Protein backbone atom coordinates (compact mmCIF):
# COMPACT_ATOMS: atom_id res chain seq x y z
CA MET A 1 39.26 -139.51 -240.40
CA ILE A 2 42.48 -141.14 -241.56
CA GLY A 3 40.61 -144.28 -242.63
CA SER A 4 38.32 -142.31 -244.93
CA GLY A 5 41.32 -140.54 -246.49
CA ILE A 6 42.96 -143.88 -247.23
CA GLY A 7 39.69 -145.21 -248.65
CA ILE A 8 39.35 -142.21 -250.93
CA SER A 9 42.96 -142.56 -252.09
CA VAL A 10 42.56 -146.27 -252.84
CA GLY A 11 39.30 -145.59 -254.68
CA LEU A 12 40.93 -142.85 -256.76
CA VAL A 13 43.88 -145.06 -257.72
CA CYS A 14 41.55 -147.93 -258.67
CA ALA A 15 39.36 -145.60 -260.74
CA LEU A 16 42.39 -144.24 -262.59
CA LEU A 17 43.64 -147.74 -263.37
CA LEU A 18 40.26 -149.02 -264.52
CA VAL A 19 39.40 -145.99 -266.62
CA HIS A 20 42.81 -146.02 -268.27
CA GLY A 21 42.48 -149.66 -269.22
CA ARG A 22 39.06 -149.10 -270.71
CA ALA A 23 40.21 -146.13 -272.79
CA ALA A 24 43.14 -148.10 -274.23
CA VAL A 25 40.93 -151.08 -275.07
CA ARG A 26 38.31 -148.81 -276.63
CA MET A 27 40.96 -147.14 -278.82
CA ARG A 28 42.31 -150.49 -280.02
CA GLU A 29 38.83 -151.84 -280.74
CA ALA A 30 37.76 -148.68 -282.57
CA LEU A 31 40.91 -148.72 -284.72
CA HIS A 32 40.39 -152.40 -285.54
CA LEU A 33 36.72 -151.77 -286.40
CA CYS A 34 37.72 -148.96 -288.75
CA THR A 35 40.17 -151.26 -290.51
CA VAL A 36 37.54 -153.97 -291.00
CA VAL A 37 34.78 -151.59 -292.09
CA SER A 38 37.07 -149.71 -294.48
CA GLY A 39 37.65 -152.91 -296.45
CA GLN A 40 33.91 -153.50 -296.64
CA ALA A 41 33.34 -149.89 -297.71
CA GLU A 42 35.91 -150.18 -300.50
CA GLN A 43 34.14 -153.30 -301.80
CA ALA A 44 30.74 -151.61 -301.51
CA LEU A 45 31.88 -148.80 -303.80
CA HIS A 46 31.85 -151.37 -306.61
CA GLY A 47 28.67 -153.11 -305.43
CA THR A 48 24.98 -152.35 -305.51
CA ALA A 49 23.31 -149.14 -304.38
CA ALA A 50 21.95 -150.89 -301.30
CA ARG A 51 25.43 -152.08 -300.29
CA ARG A 52 26.81 -148.56 -300.72
CA ARG A 53 24.08 -147.11 -298.51
CA VAL A 54 24.67 -149.72 -295.75
CA ALA A 55 28.45 -149.27 -295.98
CA GLN A 56 28.05 -145.50 -295.69
CA VAL A 57 26.13 -145.84 -292.42
CA GLN A 58 28.49 -148.47 -290.99
CA TRP A 59 31.57 -146.50 -291.95
CA ALA A 60 30.19 -143.29 -290.47
CA ALA A 61 29.40 -145.08 -287.20
CA SER A 62 32.89 -146.58 -286.97
CA ALA A 63 34.52 -143.21 -287.76
CA VAL A 64 32.48 -141.54 -285.02
CA GLU A 65 33.44 -144.29 -282.55
CA LEU A 66 37.13 -143.81 -283.40
CA TYR A 67 36.81 -140.06 -282.90
CA GLU A 68 35.02 -140.49 -279.56
CA ALA A 69 37.52 -143.09 -278.37
CA ARG A 70 40.40 -140.77 -279.25
CA GLU A 71 38.75 -137.87 -277.43
CA ALA A 72 38.07 -140.02 -274.35
CA ALA A 73 41.65 -141.28 -274.30
CA SER A 74 43.09 -137.77 -274.68
CA GLY A 75 42.02 -136.91 -271.14
CA GLU A 76 43.81 -139.90 -269.63
CA PRO A 77 46.92 -139.28 -267.53
CA ARG A 78 48.89 -142.08 -269.27
CA PRO A 79 49.12 -142.86 -272.99
CA THR A 80 46.95 -145.66 -274.42
CA GLY A 81 49.78 -147.35 -276.31
CA VAL A 82 47.99 -146.84 -279.64
CA ASP A 83 50.05 -145.20 -282.37
CA PRO A 84 48.59 -141.73 -282.96
CA VAL A 85 49.79 -141.83 -286.58
CA ALA A 86 47.67 -144.95 -287.18
CA VAL A 87 44.64 -143.22 -285.67
CA ALA A 88 45.18 -140.10 -287.80
CA ALA A 89 45.58 -142.25 -290.92
CA ALA A 90 42.37 -144.14 -290.12
CA GLU A 91 40.48 -140.87 -289.61
CA HIS A 92 41.83 -139.46 -292.88
CA ARG A 93 40.82 -142.63 -294.70
CA ALA A 94 37.39 -142.43 -293.07
CA TYR A 95 36.75 -138.92 -294.38
CA ASP A 96 37.98 -139.86 -297.84
CA LEU A 97 35.84 -143.01 -298.04
CA LEU A 98 32.80 -141.25 -296.60
CA GLY A 99 33.09 -138.61 -299.29
CA ARG A 100 33.37 -141.22 -302.04
CA LEU A 101 30.46 -143.23 -300.63
CA SER A 102 28.32 -140.09 -300.26
CA ARG A 103 28.94 -139.10 -303.88
CA ALA A 104 28.09 -142.63 -305.04
CA VAL A 105 24.88 -142.71 -302.98
CA LEU A 106 23.88 -139.28 -304.33
CA THR A 107 24.47 -140.52 -307.87
CA ASP A 108 22.35 -143.60 -307.11
CA ASP A 109 19.55 -141.41 -305.75
CA ARG A 110 19.59 -139.12 -308.76
CA ALA A 111 19.54 -142.05 -311.15
CA GLY A 112 16.67 -143.64 -309.24
CA ARG A 113 14.59 -140.48 -309.33
CA GLY A 114 15.11 -140.11 -313.06
CA ARG A 115 13.96 -143.66 -313.75
CA GLY A 116 11.00 -143.58 -311.40
CA ARG A 117 9.15 -140.61 -312.92
CA ARG A 118 6.50 -141.29 -315.47
CA ARG A 119 4.26 -138.86 -317.18
CA ARG A 120 0.54 -139.29 -316.97
CA PRO A 121 -1.13 -140.05 -320.27
CA GLY A 122 -2.19 -136.79 -321.88
CA ALA A 123 0.01 -134.68 -319.57
CA ALA A 124 1.89 -131.82 -321.12
CA ARG A 125 5.53 -132.49 -321.84
CA PRO A 126 7.89 -130.33 -319.71
CA SER A 127 9.77 -127.71 -321.71
């Protein structure tokens, strides 16, 4: 009886230590990924339509990972050691860049649709 109580206590302490370490590492990695991808997204804004579309997807994925890492770390009993101001700034930048990328991709799509339409010979001209 006492042995199982000690085993449970040791297991709980080990689980808390391991989970905490993973949450802190995940937060640091997600923040670093956002920093790297944000630079690529800024460059893609001035690049081709294909680069903007790829950057939009990559940036959205990194922003979601940062959000999920922050949420996972919020339930931890000890802080992760990651500056919450840096995380908030990265999230704010993510939403701003995603909006700019989305508008650019929409503009690309509209321009592509306008160029791709051809009238059939003899078809009536739209009024």
